[in-house]
PDB file of N, CA and C in Angstrom:
ATOM      1  N   MET A   1      65.596  -4.016 -34.839  1.00  0.00           N
ATOM      2  CA  MET A   1      66.100  -5.317 -35.267  1.00  0.00           C
ATOM      3  C   MET A   1      65.094  -6.359 -34.857  1.00  0.00           C
ATOM      4  N   ASP A   2      64.790  -7.286 -35.780  1.00  0.00           N
ATOM      5  CA  ASP A   2      63.805  -8.311 -35.479  1.00  0.00           C
ATOM      6  C   ASP A   2      64.358  -9.436 -34.583  1.00  0.00           C
ATOM      7  N   GLU A   3      63.547 -10.226 -34.005  1.00  0.00           N
ATOM      8  CA  GLU A   3      63.857 -11.297 -33.082  1.00  0.00           C
ATOM      9  C   GLU A   3      64.793 -12.362 -33.748  1.00  0.00           C
ATOM     10  N   LEU A   4      64.525 -12.657 -35.048  1.00  0.00           N
ATOM     11  CA  LEU A   4      65.306 -13.650 -35.723  1.00  0.00           C
ATOM     12  C   LEU A   4      66.739 -13.196 -35.805  1.00  0.00           C
ATOM     13  N   ALA A   5      66.975 -11.929 -36.230  1.00  0.00           N
ATOM     14  CA  ALA A   5      68.299 -11.392 -36.368  1.00  0.00           C
ATOM     15  C   ALA A   5      68.948 -11.360 -34.979  1.00  0.00           C
ATOM     16  N   ILE A   6      68.299 -11.013 -33.974  1.00  0.00           N
ATOM     17  CA  ILE A   6      68.897 -10.983 -32.648  1.00  0.00           C
ATOM     18  C   ILE A   6      69.306 -12.336 -32.184  1.00  0.00           C
ATOM     19  N   ARG A   7      68.410 -13.360 -32.453  1.00  0.00           N
ATOM     20  CA  ARG A   7      68.767 -14.719 -32.076  1.00  0.00           C
ATOM     21  C   ARG A   7      69.983 -15.203 -32.858  1.00  0.00           C
ATOM     22  N   TYR A   8      70.037 -14.896 -34.084  1.00  0.00           N
ATOM     23  CA  TYR A   8      71.227 -15.297 -34.899  1.00  0.00           C
ATOM     24  C   TYR A   8      72.466 -14.704 -34.387  1.00  0.00           C
ATOM     25  N   LEU A   9      72.454 -13.381 -34.057  1.00  0.00           N
ATOM     26  CA  LEU A   9      73.645 -12.750 -33.513  1.00  0.00           C
ATOM     27  C   LEU A   9      74.002 -13.353 -32.163  1.00  0.00           C
ATOM     28  N   ARG A  10      73.040 -13.676 -31.358  1.00  0.00           N
ATOM     29  CA  ARG A  10      73.346 -14.265 -30.013  1.00  0.00           C
ATOM     30  C   ARG A  10      74.014 -15.642 -30.196  1.00  0.00           C
ATOM     31  N   ASP A  11      73.586 -16.362 -31.235  1.00  0.00           N
ATOM     32  CA  ASP A  11      74.140 -17.675 -31.514  1.00  0.00           C
ATOM     33  C   ASP A  11      75.587 -17.568 -32.000  1.00  0.00           C
ATOM     34  N   VAL A  12      75.951 -16.463 -32.587  1.00  0.00           N
ATOM     35  CA  VAL A  12      77.326 -16.281 -33.107  1.00  0.00           C
ATOM     36  C   VAL A  12      78.362 -16.099 -31.918  1.00  0.00           C
ATOM     37  N   ILE A  13      77.879 -15.478 -30.896  1.00  0.00           N
ATOM     38  CA  ILE A  13      78.777 -15.075 -29.776  1.00  0.00           C
ATOM     39  C   ILE A  13      79.526 -16.284 -29.196  1.00  0.00           C
ATOM     40  N   PRO A  14      78.845 -17.423 -28.829  1.00  0.00           N
ATOM     41  CA  PRO A  14      79.599 -18.507 -28.302  1.00  0.00           C
ATOM     42  C   PRO A  14      80.625 -19.140 -29.299  1.00  0.00           C
ATOM     43  N   VAL A  15      80.258 -19.100 -30.583  1.00  0.00           N
ATOM     44  CA  VAL A  15      81.187 -19.614 -31.561  1.00  0.00           C
ATOM     45  C   VAL A  15      82.469 -18.740 -31.618  1.00  0.00           C
ATOM     46  N   LEU A  16      82.274 -17.407 -31.592  1.00  0.00           N
ATOM     47  CA  LEU A  16      83.386 -16.489 -31.568  1.00  0.00           C
ATOM     48  C   LEU A  16      84.285 -16.657 -30.304  1.00  0.00           C
ATOM     49  N   THR A  17      83.545 -16.880 -29.195  1.00  0.00           N
ATOM     50  CA  THR A  17      84.261 -17.087 -27.900  1.00  0.00           C
ATOM     51  C   THR A  17      85.112 -18.308 -27.996  1.00  0.00           C
ATOM     52  N   GLU A  18      84.574 -19.346 -28.530  1.00  0.00           N
ATOM     53  CA  GLU A  18      85.334 -20.622 -28.673  1.00  0.00           C
ATOM     54  C   GLU A  18      86.562 -20.389 -29.599  1.00  0.00           C
ATOM     55  N   GLN A  19      86.360 -19.648 -30.660  1.00  0.00           N
ATOM     56  CA  GLN A  19      87.457 -19.359 -31.640  1.00  0.00           C
ATOM     57  C   GLN A  19      88.543 -18.510 -30.999  1.00  0.00           C
ATOM     58  N   ARG A  20      88.081 -17.495 -30.167  1.00  0.00           N
ATOM     59  CA  ARG A  20      88.978 -16.682 -29.457  1.00  0.00           C
ATOM     60  C   ARG A  20      89.897 -17.501 -28.526  1.00  0.00           C
ATOM     61  N   ASP A  21      89.284 -18.427 -27.805  1.00  0.00           N
ATOM     62  CA  ASP A  21      90.045 -19.259 -26.846  1.00  0.00           C
ATOM     63  C   ASP A  21      91.065 -20.095 -27.598  1.00  0.00           C
ATOM     64  N   ILE A  22      90.698 -20.590 -28.834  1.00  0.00           N
ATOM     65  CA  ILE A  22      91.652 -21.424 -29.571  1.00  0.00           C
ATOM     66  C   ILE A  22      92.846 -20.583 -30.055  1.00  0.00           C
ATOM     67  N   VAL A  23      92.572 -19.396 -30.618  1.00  0.00           N
ATOM     68  CA  VAL A  23      93.689 -18.645 -31.127  1.00  0.00           C
ATOM     69  C   VAL A  23      94.574 -18.060 -30.007  1.00  0.00           C
ATOM     70  N   VAL A  24      94.015 -17.731 -28.881  1.00  0.00           N
ATOM     71  CA  VAL A  24      94.804 -17.293 -27.758  1.00  0.00           C
ATOM     72  C   VAL A  24      95.662 -18.425 -27.216  1.00  0.00           C
ATOM     73  N   ALA A  25      95.118 -19.635 -27.127  1.00  0.00           N
ATOM     74  CA  ALA A  25      95.815 -20.758 -26.699  1.00  0.00           C
ATOM     75  C   ALA A  25      97.020 -21.106 -27.609  1.00  0.00           C
ATOM     76  N   ARG A  26      96.910 -20.704 -28.827  1.00  0.00           N
ATOM     77  CA  ARG A  26      97.988 -20.917 -29.802  1.00  0.00           C
ATOM     78  C   ARG A  26      98.940 -19.755 -29.888  1.00  0.00           C
ATOM     79  N   GLY A  27      98.754 -18.797 -29.001  1.00  0.00           N
ATOM     80  CA  GLY A  27      99.685 -17.700 -28.883  1.00  0.00           C
ATOM     81  C   GLY A  27      99.357 -16.483 -29.698  1.00  0.00           C
ATOM     82  N   ALA A  28      98.167 -16.432 -30.282  1.00  0.00           N
ATOM     83  CA  ALA A  28      97.811 -15.290 -31.151  1.00  0.00           C
ATOM     84  C   ALA A  28      97.014 -14.336 -30.314  1.00  0.00           C
ATOM     85  N   ARG A  29      97.599 -13.658 -29.385  1.00  0.00           N
ATOM     86  CA  ARG A  29      96.811 -12.860 -28.503  1.00  0.00           C
ATOM     87  C   ARG A  29      96.157 -11.629 -29.221  1.00  0.00           C
ATOM     88  N   PHE A  30      96.879 -11.074 -30.188  1.00  0.00           N
ATOM     89  CA  PHE A  30      96.262  -9.922 -30.905  1.00  0.00           C
ATOM     90  C   PHE A  30      95.057 -10.337 -31.650  1.00  0.00           C
ATOM     91  N   ALA A  31      95.076 -11.542 -32.239  1.00  0.00           N
ATOM     92  CA  ALA A  31      93.912 -12.095 -32.953  1.00  0.00           C
ATOM     93  C   ALA A  31      92.733 -12.294 -31.954  1.00  0.00           C
ATOM     94  N   GLY A  32      93.108 -12.763 -30.745  1.00  0.00           N
ATOM     95  CA  GLY A  32      92.058 -12.924 -29.714  1.00  0.00           C
ATOM     96  C   GLY A  32      91.494 -11.607 -29.351  1.00  0.00           C
ATOM     97  N   HIS A  33      92.241 -10.557 -29.284  1.00  0.00           N
ATOM     98  CA  HIS A  33      91.735  -9.265 -28.969  1.00  0.00           C
ATOM     99  C   HIS A  33      90.828  -8.767 -30.042  1.00  0.00           C
ATOM    100  N   LEU A  34      91.113  -8.970 -31.329  1.00  0.00           N
ATOM    101  CA  LEU A  34      90.228  -8.609 -32.431  1.00  0.00           C
ATOM    102  C   LEU A  34      88.906  -9.372 -32.326  1.00  0.00           C
ATOM    103  N   ILE A  35      88.962 -10.660 -31.969  1.00  0.00           N
ATOM    104  CA  ILE A  35      87.695 -11.404 -31.806  1.00  0.00           C
ATOM    105  C   ILE A  35      86.884 -10.833 -30.630  1.00  0.00           C
ATOM    106  N   ASP A  36      87.559 -10.458 -29.614  1.00  0.00           N
ATOM    107  CA  ASP A  36      86.906  -9.843 -28.431  1.00  0.00           C
ATOM    108  C   ASP A  36      86.173  -8.578 -28.932  1.00  0.00           C
ATOM    109  N   LEU A  37      86.825  -7.787 -29.759  1.00  0.00           N
ATOM    110  CA  LEU A  37      86.173  -6.579 -30.238  1.00  0.00           C
ATOM    111  C   LEU A  37      84.918  -6.870 -31.076  1.00  0.00           C
ATOM    112  N   ALA A  38      85.028  -8.000 -31.819  1.00  0.00           N
ATOM    113  CA  ALA A  38      83.834  -8.338 -32.665  1.00  0.00           C
ATOM    114  C   ALA A  38      82.711  -8.828 -31.695  1.00  0.00           C
ATOM    115  N   ILE A  39      83.020  -9.532 -30.656  1.00  0.00           N
ATOM    116  CA  ILE A  39      82.030  -9.999 -29.661  1.00  0.00           C
ATOM    117  C   ILE A  39      81.377  -8.724 -29.023  1.00  0.00           C
ATOM    118  N   MET A  40      82.204  -7.771 -28.628  1.00  0.00           N
ATOM    119  CA  MET A  40      81.651  -6.603 -28.019  1.00  0.00           C
ATOM    120  C   MET A  40      80.742  -5.831 -29.018  1.00  0.00           C
ATOM    121  N   GLU A  41      81.110  -5.731 -30.235  1.00  0.00           N
ATOM    122  CA  GLU A  41      80.293  -5.123 -31.238  1.00  0.00           C
ATOM    123  C   GLU A  41      78.923  -5.787 -31.384  1.00  0.00           C
ATOM    124  N   LEU A  42      78.972  -7.148 -31.414  1.00  0.00           N
ATOM    125  CA  LEU A  42      77.707  -7.913 -31.462  1.00  0.00           C
ATOM    126  C   LEU A  42      76.835  -7.590 -30.261  1.00  0.00           C
ATOM    127  N   ARG A  43      77.413  -7.551 -29.063  1.00  0.00           N
ATOM    128  CA  ARG A  43      76.671  -7.268 -27.876  1.00  0.00           C
ATOM    129  C   ARG A  43      76.023  -5.930 -27.874  1.00  0.00           C
ATOM    130  N   LEU A  44      76.851  -4.929 -28.365  1.00  0.00           N
ATOM    131  CA  LEU A  44      76.318  -3.564 -28.486  1.00  0.00           C
ATOM    132  C   LEU A  44      75.136  -3.498 -29.433  1.00  0.00           C
ATOM    133  N   THR A  45      75.235  -4.210 -30.544  1.00  0.00           N
ATOM    134  CA  THR A  45      74.239  -4.266 -31.556  1.00  0.00           C
ATOM    135  C   THR A  45      72.950  -4.901 -31.005  1.00  0.00           C
ATOM    136  N   ILE A  46      73.127  -6.099 -30.373  1.00  0.00           N
ATOM    137  CA  ILE A  46      71.976  -6.743 -29.841  1.00  0.00           C
ATOM    138  C   ILE A  46      71.219  -5.946 -28.829  1.00  0.00           C
ATOM    139  N   ASN A  47      71.972  -5.256 -28.006  1.00  0.00           N
ATOM    140  CA  ASN A  47      71.363  -4.466 -26.926  1.00  0.00           C
ATOM    141  C   ASN A  47      71.095  -3.029 -27.302  1.00  0.00           C
ATOM    142  N   GLU A  48      71.264  -2.743 -28.634  1.00  0.00           N
ATOM    143  CA  GLU A  48      70.984  -1.381 -29.106  1.00  0.00           C
ATOM    144  C   GLU A  48      71.644  -0.287 -28.363  1.00  0.00           C
ATOM    145  N   ILE A  49      72.940  -0.472 -28.142  1.00  0.00           N
ATOM    146  CA  ILE A  49      73.765   0.508 -27.427  1.00  0.00           C
ATOM    147  C   ILE A  49      74.548   1.289 -28.486  1.00  0.00           C
ATOM    148  N   SER A  50      74.360   2.612 -28.515  1.00  0.00           N
ATOM    149  CA  SER A  50      75.033   3.448 -29.534  1.00  0.00           C
ATOM    150  C   SER A  50      76.504   3.701 -29.193  1.00  0.00           C
ATOM    151  N   GLU A  51      77.292   4.098 -30.184  1.00  0.00           N
ATOM    152  CA  GLU A  51      78.655   4.432 -29.914  1.00  0.00           C
ATOM    153  C   GLU A  51      78.746   5.607 -28.949  1.00  0.00           C
ATOM    154  N   GLU A  52      77.795   6.548 -29.048  1.00  0.00           N
ATOM    155  CA  GLU A  52      77.733   7.723 -28.128  1.00  0.00           C
ATOM    156  C   GLU A  52      77.522   7.248 -26.677  1.00  0.00           C
ATOM    157  N   GLU A  53      76.627   6.341 -26.486  1.00  0.00           N
ATOM    158  CA  GLU A  53      76.342   5.815 -25.155  1.00  0.00           C
ATOM    159  C   GLU A  53      77.622   5.083 -24.621  1.00  0.00           C
ATOM    160  N   LEU A  54      78.213   4.288 -25.485  1.00  0.00           N
ATOM    161  CA  LEU A  54      79.425   3.585 -24.949  1.00  0.00           C
ATOM    162  C   LEU A  54      80.564   4.576 -24.662  1.00  0.00           C
ATOM    163  N   SER A  55      80.692   5.602 -25.440  1.00  0.00           N
ATOM    164  CA  SER A  55      81.706   6.636 -25.206  1.00  0.00           C
ATOM    165  C   SER A  55      81.422   7.333 -23.918  1.00  0.00           C
ATOM    166  N   GLU A  56      80.170   7.695 -23.644  1.00  0.00           N
ATOM    167  CA  GLU A  56      79.799   8.353 -22.375  1.00  0.00           C
ATOM    168  C   GLU A  56      80.112   7.502 -21.156  1.00  0.00           C
ATOM    169  N   LEU A  57      79.753   6.170 -21.285  1.00  0.00           N
ATOM    170  CA  LEU A  57      80.064   5.217 -20.172  1.00  0.00           C
ATOM    171  C   LEU A  57      81.604   5.159 -19.967  1.00  0.00           C
ATOM    172  N   SER A  58      82.337   5.109 -21.072  1.00  0.00           N
ATOM    173  CA  SER A  58      83.802   5.065 -20.920  1.00  0.00           C
ATOM    174  C   SER A  58      84.324   6.306 -20.209  1.00  0.00           C
ATOM    175  N   ASN A  59      83.785   7.501 -20.588  1.00  0.00           N
ATOM    176  CA  ASN A  59      84.205   8.699 -19.936  1.00  0.00           C
ATOM    177  C   ASN A  59      83.906   8.689 -18.469  1.00  0.00           C
ATOM    178  N   VAL A  60      82.750   8.268 -18.081  1.00  0.00           N
ATOM    179  CA  VAL A  60      82.376   8.222 -16.664  1.00  0.00           C
ATOM    180  C   VAL A  60      83.282   7.246 -15.916  1.00  0.00           C
ATOM    181  N   LEU A  61      83.571   6.113 -16.493  1.00  0.00           N
ATOM    182  CA  LEU A  61      84.375   5.104 -15.828  1.00  0.00           C
ATOM    183  C   LEU A  61      85.842   5.680 -15.679  1.00  0.00           C
ATOM    184  N   SER A  62      86.331   6.299 -16.732  1.00  0.00           N
ATOM    185  CA  SER A  62      87.638   6.895 -16.682  1.00  0.00           C
ATOM    186  C   SER A  62      87.727   7.963 -15.654  1.00  0.00           C
ATOM    187  N   ASP A  63      86.752   8.830 -15.546  1.00  0.00           N
ATOM    188  CA  ASP A  63      86.686   9.903 -14.548  1.00  0.00           C
ATOM    189  C   ASP A  63      86.709   9.286 -13.133  1.00  0.00           C
ATOM    190  N   ASN A  64      85.944   8.229 -12.916  1.00  0.00           N
ATOM    191  CA  ASN A  64      85.860   7.587 -11.626  1.00  0.00           C
ATOM    192  C   ASN A  64      87.201   6.933 -11.279  1.00  0.00           C
ATOM    193  N   TRP A  65      87.843   6.333 -12.307  1.00  0.00           N
ATOM    194  CA  TRP A  65      89.127   5.656 -12.102  1.00  0.00           C
ATOM    195  C   TRP A  65      90.162   6.672 -11.671  1.00  0.00           C
ATOM    196  N   VAL A  66      90.205   7.771 -12.421  1.00  0.00           N
ATOM    197  CA  VAL A  66      91.205   8.842 -12.094  1.00  0.00           C
ATOM    198  C   VAL A  66      90.943   9.465 -10.755  1.00  0.00           C
ATOM    199  N   ALA A  67      89.706   9.646 -10.406  1.00  0.00           N
ATOM    200  CA  ALA A  67      89.368  10.178  -9.082  1.00  0.00           C
ATOM    201  C   ALA A  67      89.743   9.212  -7.951  1.00  0.00           C
ATOM    202  N   GLY A  68      89.587   7.889  -8.210  1.00  0.00           N
ATOM    203  CA  GLY A  68      90.059   6.919  -7.280  1.00  0.00           C
ATOM    204  C   GLY A  68      91.538   6.860  -7.085  1.00  0.00           C
ATOM    205  N   LYS A  69      92.276   7.046  -8.188  1.00  0.00           N
ATOM    206  CA  LYS A  69      93.753   7.054  -8.158  1.00  0.00           C
ATOM    207  C   LYS A  69      94.264   8.241  -7.355  1.00  0.00           C
ATOM    208  N   ARG A  70      93.552   9.393  -7.495  1.00  0.00           N
ATOM    209  CA  ARG A  70      93.975  10.660  -6.741  1.00  0.00           C
ATOM    210  C   ARG A  70      93.763  10.484  -5.278  1.00  0.00           C
ATOM    211  N   SER A  71      92.701   9.738  -4.841  1.00  0.00           N
ATOM    212  CA  SER A  71      92.377   9.623  -3.441  1.00  0.00           C
ATOM    213  C   SER A  71      93.331   8.609  -2.712  1.00  0.00           C
ATOM    214  N   ASN A  72      94.074   7.857  -3.482  1.00  0.00           N
ATOM    215  CA  ASN A  72      94.954   6.876  -2.880  1.00  0.00           C
ATOM    216  C   ASN A  72      96.274   7.466  -2.486  1.00  0.00           C
TER     217      ASN A  72
END
């Protein structure tokens, strides 16, 4: 991805964040969640993180969380 595209995508994130805050303040929590997912997708794209890498991170975090729950 070229620098111009990355810059454009980075500029979109604060706009989406502001929109999320507005819809959540008006009681549309699910819409806010959907905007959060769009923001996450942009960040993954900008940082060139694949779905497989995200899945593996999720698995590691889940395993650690479960292990922590068992030790309590």
